[in-house]
Amino acid sequence: MNTNFEYYRVFCQVAKYHSMTLAAQTLNISQPAVSKSIHHLETVLGCILFQRNKNGVHLTAEGQELYRYAAHAYELLARGEERVRSMRELSSGSLCIGTSDMLMHFFLLPYLRKFHNLYPNIKIHLVTGNSPQTTAALREGRIDVGIVASPVEKDGLTAVPICCIYDIFVASKSFSQLYGKNVTLQELVRFPLICCSPGTTSRQFLDSFFLQHNIVLHPEFELASTDMIVPFAESGLGVGVVLRTLAADSLQRGTLFEVQTCDRMPTRKICAITQQDTQPSCAAQSFMEGLTASGALAKPPAFL
C-alpha cells in the first residue's frame, strides 16, 4: 500500500459524517485538505468513492466496500494509540522484575509497594533466582529489569547502583577464641567456613577477595541458600560469610558475633540492570527512576 494512512483516516471521517465540512472540523484541518485527500484516494484507486449532492456526500458501492475495511483498520489503530497512551501514562501495562528471594525480602519490597500504590493498574511479575540467573533472564528478554548484587557482568548491560551492602564474618560462642580479636585471613581459613555455593555472585566475590590475598578458598560448607548460612553458624558448625542484614537479628540477640578481620571485605552494591540495546518500557523506566530518586546510594537503608 503506497497511500498514506492519513488519507484513509480522512475518508472514514467523511463517510461517518456524510460531510466534508464536519470531517474537517473533527480532524481540525481545512475543508480543501479533506477534498484533496479524497481526490487522491479516488485517483489511486481509479474509482469514485462518494456521490455528492445538496444533502452532503454518500458512499458509492466501491466506497462502501472500502469503508468496511478502512473503518476496521482505523478502529484498530485508534485502539492501539490509546493503549500506547495509557502505557505512557502508566494507567496500564506490565513490569517484569528479576531478583533473588533475599534481595526481594530485604531490599525491594518497600519500593514495589510504593510503585504499586502509585500505579495500581501496572501488573507486576516477579522472576526469582540468584544474580547470574537474573542476568541470564535479562539477556534472554524474559524480564524488563534485574535487581542484583555486585559484581555485575556488564557486557551489553547497563548497571545503575542503588545502595551499598556489606559482607561480614559471623560466628557463635563455639568460636569464642575469635571474639574481640582482629584476625588475619590466613588465621581465619584455619577454621571451618560456611558460605554460598559456587556459581553465585556472592561466592565469586568471596573467592576473588581471598585470591587477592593469595588464598584459595576451601569452605567446609557450601550452601545453595544464603538463608541457611546464619542457622549453620548459630549451630556452631563454622564461621559464616553473610550479608550483615541477614545476620542482624542474630547479632542483636547475641547468638552470633561479628568476627573482625585485619583485611575487610570491600563494599558491594545493589544494582538495577537493563539491556543496553533495548529501550525500557515506560513502566520499567518509572520504576528505575523511583529506585534512583531515593538517593539510596548516598544513604543506604538502615537494614542493609
Protein backbone atom coordinates (compact mmCIF):
# COMPACT_ATOMS: atom_id res chain seq x y z
CA MET A 1 0.00 0.00 0.00
CA ASN A 2 1.57 3.24 -1.19
CA THR A 3 -1.14 5.53 0.13
CA ASN A 4 -0.62 7.50 3.32
CA PHE A 5 -2.94 6.18 6.01
CA GLU A 6 -3.91 9.76 6.81
CA TYR A 7 -5.96 9.75 3.62
CA TYR A 8 -7.92 6.75 4.90
CA ARG A 9 -8.46 8.49 8.23
CA VAL A 10 -9.99 11.44 6.35
CA PHE A 11 -12.03 9.04 4.22
CA CYS A 12 -13.50 7.34 7.31
CA GLN A 13 -14.50 10.64 8.87
CA VAL A 14 -16.22 11.86 5.69
CA ALA A 15 -18.07 8.54 5.43
CA LYS A 16 -19.08 8.75 9.08
CA TYR A 17 -20.46 12.30 8.99
CA HIS A 18 -21.58 12.36 5.31
CA SER A 19 -19.97 15.78 5.21
CA MET A 20 -16.57 17.10 4.26
CA THR A 21 -17.15 20.18 6.42
CA LEU A 22 -17.90 18.14 9.57
CA ALA A 23 -14.99 15.82 8.82
CA ALA A 24 -12.68 18.83 8.52
CA GLN A 25 -13.91 20.20 11.87
CA THR A 26 -13.48 16.84 13.57
CA LEU A 27 -9.97 16.38 12.20
CA ASN A 28 -9.06 20.03 12.80
CA ILE A 29 -7.93 20.53 9.22
CA SER A 30 -9.22 22.68 6.35
CA GLN A 31 -12.04 21.55 4.03
CA PRO A 32 -9.76 21.86 0.98
CA ALA A 33 -7.36 19.45 2.67
CA VAL A 34 -10.22 16.97 3.10
CA SER A 35 -11.24 17.31 -0.53
CA LYS A 36 -7.62 16.83 -1.62
CA SER A 37 -7.31 13.62 0.43
CA ILE A 38 -10.48 12.14 -1.04
CA HIS A 39 -9.44 13.11 -4.56
CA HIS A 40 -6.06 11.46 -4.01
CA LEU A 41 -7.70 8.20 -2.91
CA GLU A 42 -10.08 8.20 -5.84
CA THR A 43 -7.18 8.79 -8.22
CA VAL A 44 -5.07 5.99 -6.72
CA LEU A 45 -7.98 3.50 -6.63
CA GLY A 46 -9.34 4.57 -10.01
CA CYS A 47 -12.94 4.91 -8.89
CA ILE A 48 -15.41 7.34 -7.34
CA LEU A 49 -15.85 6.85 -3.60
CA PHE A 50 -18.51 9.44 -2.83
CA GLN A 51 -21.59 10.75 -4.57
CA ARG A 52 -22.05 14.42 -3.88
CA ASN A 53 -25.43 16.15 -3.67
CA LYS A 54 -27.11 19.00 -1.81
CA ASN A 55 -27.59 16.78 1.28
CA GLY A 56 -23.89 16.00 1.60
CA VAL A 57 -21.84 13.07 0.39
CA HIS A 58 -22.70 9.39 0.33
CA LEU A 59 -20.61 6.33 -0.32
CA THR A 60 -20.73 4.65 -3.71
CA ALA A 61 -20.73 0.86 -3.93
CA GLU A 62 -16.93 0.95 -4.19
CA GLY A 63 -16.78 3.41 -1.31
CA GLN A 64 -18.91 1.14 0.89
CA GLU A 65 -16.63 -1.80 0.19
CA LEU A 66 -13.53 0.24 1.06
CA TYR A 67 -15.17 1.59 4.20
CA ARG A 68 -15.79 -1.94 5.52
CA TYR A 69 -12.02 -2.47 5.72
CA ALA A 70 -10.80 1.07 6.35
CA ALA A 71 -13.13 1.65 9.31
CA HIS A 72 -11.97 -1.57 10.95
CA ALA A 73 -8.30 -0.70 10.41
CA TYR A 74 -8.85 2.83 11.68
CA GLU A 75 -10.57 1.50 14.83
CA LEU A 76 -7.70 -0.91 15.50
CA LEU A 77 -5.12 1.85 15.11
CA ALA A 78 -7.11 4.19 17.33
CA ARG A 79 -7.28 1.48 19.99
CA GLY A 80 -3.57 0.89 19.57
CA GLU A 81 -2.85 4.59 20.05
CA GLU A 82 -4.98 4.61 23.18
CA ARG A 83 -3.14 1.58 24.56
CA VAL A 84 0.24 3.20 23.93
CA ARG A 85 -1.00 6.42 25.53
CA SER A 86 -2.21 4.57 28.62
CA MET A 87 1.11 2.72 28.86
CA ARG A 88 2.99 6.00 28.61
CA GLU A 89 0.79 7.46 31.34
CA LEU A 90 1.20 4.23 33.39
CA SER A 91 -2.55 3.64 33.57
CA SER A 92 -1.99 0.17 32.08
CA GLY A 93 0.86 -2.14 31.18
CA SER A 94 3.11 -4.64 32.91
CA LEU A 95 6.52 -4.82 34.55
CA CYS A 96 8.60 -7.98 34.92
CA ILE A 97 11.36 -7.82 37.55
CA GLY A 98 14.02 -10.42 38.24
CA THR A 99 15.79 -10.68 41.59
CA SER A 100 16.71 -13.08 44.37
CA ASP A 101 14.47 -14.03 47.29
CA MET A 102 16.91 -12.37 49.66
CA LEU A 103 17.00 -9.03 47.81
CA MET A 104 13.24 -9.16 47.39
CA HIS A 105 12.66 -9.54 51.10
CA PHE A 106 15.35 -7.26 52.49
CA PHE A 107 15.53 -4.55 49.84
CA LEU A 108 12.99 -4.48 47.03
CA LEU A 109 9.67 -4.94 48.83
CA PRO A 110 9.24 -1.31 50.03
CA TYR A 111 9.94 0.02 46.52
CA LEU A 112 7.46 -2.43 45.00
CA ARG A 113 4.82 -1.37 47.50
CA LYS A 114 5.35 2.31 46.69
CA PHE A 115 5.28 1.70 42.92
CA HIS A 116 2.09 -0.37 43.19
CA ASN A 117 0.40 2.33 45.26
CA LEU A 118 1.29 4.95 42.65
CA TYR A 119 0.39 2.81 39.61
CA PRO A 120 -2.11 0.14 40.70
CA ASN A 121 -3.03 -0.77 37.10
CA ILE A 122 0.51 -1.87 36.22
CA LYS A 123 0.71 -5.65 36.53
CA ILE A 124 3.94 -6.69 38.26
CA HIS A 125 5.51 -10.07 37.53
CA LEU A 126 8.44 -11.40 39.58
CA VAL A 127 11.04 -13.92 38.46
CA THR A 128 13.28 -15.09 41.30
CA GLY A 129 16.76 -16.55 41.03
CA ASN A 130 20.32 -15.77 42.00
CA SER A 131 22.16 -12.90 40.32
CA PRO A 132 23.65 -14.95 37.42
CA GLN A 133 20.19 -16.42 36.73
CA THR A 134 18.64 -12.93 36.83
CA THR A 135 21.30 -11.64 34.43
CA ALA A 136 20.63 -14.54 32.06
CA ALA A 137 16.87 -13.88 32.18
CA LEU A 138 17.50 -10.24 31.26
CA ARG A 139 19.73 -11.16 28.31
CA GLU A 140 17.05 -13.58 27.08
CA GLY A 141 14.37 -10.86 27.30
CA ARG A 142 12.32 -12.68 29.95
CA ILE A 143 12.44 -9.73 32.36
CA ASP A 144 12.46 -5.94 31.98
CA VAL A 145 14.68 -5.06 34.94
CA GLY A 146 17.01 -7.08 37.14
CA ILE A 147 17.91 -6.25 40.74
CA VAL A 148 21.22 -7.89 41.58
CA ALA A 149 24.18 -7.62 43.90
CA SER A 150 27.58 -6.67 42.51
CA PRO A 151 29.86 -7.68 40.93
CA VAL A 152 27.75 -7.39 37.75
CA GLU A 153 28.53 -8.84 34.32
CA LYS A 154 28.24 -5.58 32.36
CA ASP A 155 28.76 -6.87 28.83
CA GLY A 156 25.78 -5.44 26.92
CA LEU A 157 24.10 -4.33 30.14
CA THR A 158 23.60 -1.04 31.92
CA ALA A 159 24.04 -1.25 35.70
CA VAL A 160 22.74 1.54 37.94
CA PRO A 161 23.98 1.41 41.57
CA ILE A 162 21.17 1.75 44.10
CA CYS A 163 22.68 1.22 47.55
CA CYS A 164 25.59 -0.35 49.39
CA ILE A 165 25.68 -3.76 51.05
CA TYR A 166 28.22 -5.24 53.44
CA ASP A 167 29.51 -8.81 53.81
CA ILE A 168 30.76 -9.87 57.24
CA PHE A 169 32.12 -12.93 59.02
CA VAL A 170 30.00 -14.25 61.89
CA ALA A 171 30.45 -16.98 64.47
CA SER A 172 28.78 -18.42 67.55
CA LYS A 173 30.23 -18.78 71.03
CA SER A 174 31.70 -22.10 69.86
CA PHE A 175 34.43 -19.95 68.36
CA SER A 176 34.87 -17.60 71.30
CA GLN A 177 38.62 -17.51 70.66
CA LEU A 178 37.84 -15.20 67.73
CA TYR A 179 35.76 -12.78 69.78
CA GLY A 180 37.24 -9.29 70.18
CA LYS A 181 40.26 -10.03 68.02
CA ASN A 182 41.42 -8.75 64.64
CA VAL A 183 42.37 -11.94 62.85
CA THR A 184 44.22 -12.28 59.58
CA LEU A 185 42.63 -14.07 56.67
CA GLN A 186 45.31 -16.74 56.93
CA GLU A 187 44.22 -17.38 60.53
CA LEU A 188 40.55 -17.33 59.59
CA VAL A 189 40.78 -20.03 56.92
CA ARG A 190 42.07 -22.45 59.56
CA PHE A 191 38.51 -22.54 60.87
CA PRO A 192 35.61 -24.21 59.04
CA LEU A 193 33.92 -21.65 56.79
CA ILE A 194 30.28 -21.53 55.72
CA CYS A 195 29.42 -19.68 52.53
CA CYS A 196 27.38 -19.72 49.32
CA SER A 197 27.82 -22.43 46.75
CA PRO A 198 29.98 -21.86 43.64
CA GLY A 199 28.34 -20.10 40.69
CA THR A 200 26.67 -17.38 42.74
CA THR A 201 27.72 -13.75 42.64
CA SER A 202 28.41 -13.73 46.37
CA ARG A 203 30.74 -16.72 46.03
CA GLN A 204 32.52 -15.18 43.05
CA PHE A 205 33.04 -12.04 45.10
CA LEU A 206 34.34 -14.03 48.09
CA ASP A 207 36.70 -16.18 46.03
CA SER A 208 38.11 -13.06 44.35
CA PHE A 209 38.62 -11.34 47.70
CA PHE A 210 40.62 -14.25 49.13
CA LEU A 211 42.60 -14.71 45.92
CA GLN A 212 43.72 -11.09 46.18
CA HIS A 213 45.38 -12.19 49.42
CA ASN A 214 46.86 -15.33 47.82
CA ILE A 215 44.38 -17.67 49.46
CA VAL A 216 42.36 -20.31 47.62
CA LEU A 217 39.11 -20.77 49.47
CA HIS A 218 38.03 -24.28 50.54
CA PRO A 219 34.88 -23.85 52.67
CA GLU A 220 33.65 -26.60 54.96
CA PHE A 221 30.04 -25.93 53.95
CA GLU A 222 28.79 -24.57 50.62
CA LEU A 223 25.10 -23.73 50.79
CA ALA A 224 22.75 -23.10 47.87
CA SER A 225 20.55 -20.85 50.01
CA THR A 226 22.03 -17.82 51.76
CA ASP A 227 19.19 -18.04 54.28
CA MET A 228 20.80 -21.16 55.75
CA ILE A 229 24.21 -19.63 56.48
CA VAL A 230 23.06 -17.95 59.70
CA PRO A 231 21.40 -21.13 61.16
CA PHE A 232 24.52 -23.14 60.31
CA ALA A 233 26.73 -20.56 62.03
CA GLU A 234 24.41 -20.41 65.06
CA SER A 235 24.71 -24.20 65.33
CA GLY A 236 28.47 -23.85 65.77
CA LEU A 237 29.32 -25.56 62.50
CA GLY A 238 31.72 -22.87 61.40
CA VAL A 239 32.33 -19.19 60.62
CA GLY A 240 29.68 -17.86 58.28
CA VAL A 241 30.19 -15.33 55.47
CA VAL A 242 26.93 -13.45 55.06
CA LEU A 243 25.38 -10.07 54.35
CA ARG A 244 25.08 -8.02 57.52
CA THR A 245 21.34 -7.65 57.00
CA LEU A 246 20.82 -11.42 57.17
CA ALA A 247 22.68 -11.69 60.48
CA ALA A 248 21.28 -8.52 62.08
CA ASP A 249 18.76 -10.25 64.36
CA SER A 250 21.25 -12.88 65.48
CA LEU A 251 23.89 -10.23 66.23
CA GLN A 252 21.35 -8.29 68.28
CA ARG A 253 20.27 -11.39 70.23
CA GLY A 254 23.88 -12.38 70.84
CA THR A 255 23.61 -15.80 69.24
CA LEU A 256 26.29 -14.65 66.79
CA PHE A 257 29.09 -12.10 66.91
CA GLU A 258 30.96 -10.40 64.08
CA VAL A 259 34.46 -11.71 63.50
CA GLN A 260 36.76 -8.74 62.89
CA THR A 261 39.47 -9.25 60.28
CA CYS A 262 42.58 -7.24 59.53
CA ASP A 263 41.55 -7.09 55.87
CA ARG A 264 37.93 -6.01 55.44
CA MET A 265 35.86 -7.14 52.51
CA PRO A 266 35.08 -4.33 50.05
CA THR A 267 31.65 -2.77 49.97
CA ARG A 268 29.32 -4.17 47.35
CA LYS A 269 26.29 -2.56 45.74
CA ILE A 270 22.77 -3.49 44.82
CA CYS A 271 22.28 -2.55 41.17
CA ALA A 272 19.37 -2.29 38.76
CA ILE A 273 20.34 -3.76 35.40
CA THR A 274 18.79 -3.33 31.95
CA GLN A 275 19.85 -4.21 28.41
CA GLN A 276 21.87 -1.53 26.63
CA ASP A 277 20.34 -2.18 23.21
CA THR A 278 16.71 -2.32 24.37
CA GLN A 279 14.56 0.69 25.23
CA PRO A 280 12.92 0.01 28.62
CA SER A 281 9.15 0.27 28.78
CA CYS A 282 7.58 3.33 30.39
CA ALA A 283 6.76 1.21 33.45
CA ALA A 284 10.35 -0.03 33.71
CA GLN A 285 11.75 3.50 33.33
CA SER A 286 9.43 4.83 36.03
CA PHE A 287 10.35 2.00 38.39
CA MET A 288 14.07 2.64 37.83
CA GLU A 289 13.58 6.34 38.47
CA GLY A 290 11.84 5.51 41.75
CA LEU A 291 14.81 3.41 42.84
CA THR A 292 17.43 6.00 41.99
CA ALA A 293 15.49 9.11 43.08
CA SER A 294 15.56 8.00 46.71
CA GLY A 295 19.27 8.75 46.97
CA ALA A 296 19.70 5.31 48.46
CA LEU A 297 23.34 5.04 47.39
CA ALA A 298 24.35 8.02 49.48
CA LYS A 299 22.22 6.88 52.42
CA PRO A 300 21.84 3.11 52.47
CA PRO A 301 18.71 1.72 54.10
CA ALA A 302 19.24 1.00 57.78
CA PHE A 303 18.59 -2.71 57.31
CA LEU A 304 21.50 -3.05 54.88
